[in-house]
Amino acid sequence: MGLTKTDLFTTEQNELANMAKALAHPARIAILEHLLKANACINSDLVAELGLAQATISQHLKELKSLGLISGTIEGVSMSYCINAERWKYFESRLNRLFQSYSHDPCNSKRC
């Protein structure tokens, strides 16, 4: 398997790719949706909510936390997780900028 040559790309391109990777698994999407729906910090009730093993959820939470999309704090013997609003807005703006950069159909609605 070849190495990814991230040094060939800009910092912004690498960052956006890493952000997209965070969304590249349905369990992470489900975790984010649950946090958004709760509109509050939640404790480790994700196991019951999603039906996944604690170890699996922990791995996905780790990925989301590493990008800063969520934050986790210790509350007694459990963790509480929240959407990181500042980072969420940044992520949203970066993705929107990419999608909004498409201004016209270069193929004139025909297949290229």
Protein backbone atom coordinates (compact mmCIF):
# COMPACT_ATOMS: atom_id res chain seq x y z
CA MET A 1 0.00 0.00 0.00
CA GLY A 2 1.40 3.39 -0.98
CA LEU A 3 2.00 6.26 1.36
CA THR A 4 -0.25 9.29 1.27
CA LYS A 5 1.83 12.24 0.15
CA THR A 6 0.10 14.90 2.22
CA ASP A 7 3.04 17.24 1.75
CA LEU A 8 1.97 17.67 -1.88
CA PHE A 9 -1.18 19.45 -0.71
CA THR A 10 -1.87 22.68 1.13
CA THR A 11 -2.51 22.79 4.84
CA GLU A 12 -6.11 23.75 4.07
CA GLN A 13 -6.57 20.78 1.73
CA ASN A 14 -5.18 18.37 4.31
CA GLU A 15 -7.34 19.89 7.02
CA LEU A 16 -10.49 19.61 4.94
CA ALA A 17 -9.66 16.00 4.08
CA ASN A 18 -9.24 15.21 7.78
CA MET A 19 -12.56 16.88 8.53
CA ALA A 20 -14.25 14.82 5.84
CA LYS A 21 -12.71 11.65 7.28
CA ALA A 22 -14.44 12.41 10.56
CA LEU A 23 -17.76 12.14 8.73
CA ALA A 24 -16.76 9.07 6.76
CA HIS A 25 -18.29 6.53 9.12
CA PRO A 26 -22.01 6.09 9.85
CA ALA A 27 -21.36 5.58 13.57
CA ARG A 28 -19.73 9.02 13.77
CA ILE A 29 -22.65 10.55 11.92
CA ALA A 30 -25.03 8.86 14.37
CA ILE A 31 -23.02 10.15 17.34
CA LEU A 32 -23.05 13.69 15.98
CA GLU A 33 -26.77 13.50 15.19
CA HIS A 34 -27.47 12.29 18.71
CA LEU A 35 -25.46 15.13 20.23
CA LEU A 36 -27.18 17.67 17.99
CA LYS A 37 -30.63 16.27 18.77
CA ALA A 38 -29.94 16.32 22.50
CA ASN A 39 -28.81 19.94 22.18
CA ALA A 40 -26.90 19.43 25.41
CA CYS A 41 -23.96 17.59 26.81
CA ILE A 42 -24.67 13.92 27.28
CA ASN A 43 -23.06 11.26 29.38
CA SER A 44 -21.98 7.91 28.06
CA ASP A 45 -25.51 6.82 27.13
CA LEU A 46 -24.41 6.37 23.53
CA VAL A 47 -24.03 2.61 24.00
CA ALA A 48 -27.73 2.21 24.76
CA GLU A 49 -28.75 4.77 22.14
CA LEU A 50 -26.70 3.40 19.23
CA GLY A 51 -26.43 -0.28 20.13
CA LEU A 52 -22.67 -0.35 19.60
CA ALA A 53 -20.04 -1.68 21.99
CA GLN A 54 -18.47 0.81 24.39
CA ALA A 55 -15.03 0.22 22.86
CA THR A 56 -16.37 0.98 19.38
CA ILE A 57 -18.06 4.17 20.51
CA SER A 58 -14.93 5.22 22.38
CA GLN A 59 -12.87 4.89 19.18
CA HIS A 60 -15.31 7.04 17.24
CA LEU A 61 -15.49 9.62 20.02
CA LYS A 62 -11.69 9.76 20.02
CA GLU A 63 -11.69 10.56 16.28
CA LEU A 64 -14.31 13.28 16.67
CA LYS A 65 -12.48 14.75 19.66
CA SER A 66 -9.12 14.74 17.88
CA LEU A 67 -10.54 17.14 15.28
CA GLY A 68 -12.23 19.20 17.94
CA LEU A 69 -15.77 18.62 16.63
CA ILE A 70 -16.79 17.46 20.08
CA SER A 71 -15.40 18.06 23.52
CA GLY A 72 -15.47 15.72 26.47
CA THR A 73 -15.22 16.49 30.13
CA ILE A 74 -15.04 14.22 33.13
CA GLU A 75 -18.07 14.41 35.40
CA GLY A 76 -17.58 12.14 38.36
CA VAL A 77 -16.93 8.67 37.01
CA SER A 78 -18.30 9.33 33.51
CA MET A 79 -17.55 11.49 30.51
CA SER A 80 -19.86 14.15 29.18
CA TYR A 81 -19.74 14.99 25.46
CA CYS A 82 -20.85 18.12 23.64
CA ILE A 83 -20.62 19.63 20.18
CA ASN A 84 -17.77 22.15 20.12
CA ALA A 85 -19.76 25.08 18.70
CA GLU A 86 -16.76 27.11 17.55
CA ARG A 87 -15.14 24.21 15.74
CA TRP A 88 -18.52 23.08 14.33
CA LYS A 89 -19.03 26.53 12.75
CA TYR A 90 -15.51 26.46 11.34
CA PHE A 91 -16.07 22.99 9.87
CA GLU A 92 -19.37 24.16 8.39
CA SER A 93 -17.76 27.22 6.79
CA ARG A 94 -14.93 25.19 5.25
CA LEU A 95 -17.32 22.66 3.71
CA ASN A 96 -19.66 25.41 2.52
CA ARG A 97 -16.76 27.27 0.93
CA LEU A 98 -15.82 24.13 -1.01
CA PHE A 99 -19.37 23.47 -2.22
CA GLN A 100 -20.07 27.11 -3.00
CA SER A 101 -16.96 27.38 -5.16
CA TYR A 102 -18.85 25.51 -7.87
CA SER A 103 -20.42 28.32 -9.86
CA HIS A 104 -21.52 26.77 -13.14
CA ASP A 105 -21.81 23.58 -15.10
CA PRO A 106 -18.70 23.39 -17.32
CA CYS A 107 -20.30 20.65 -19.38
CA ASN A 108 -23.47 22.66 -20.10
CA SER A 109 -25.59 19.98 -18.41
CA LYS A 110 -24.17 17.33 -20.75
CA ARG A 111 -22.02 14.45 -19.69
CA CYS A 112 -18.34 15.27 -19.91
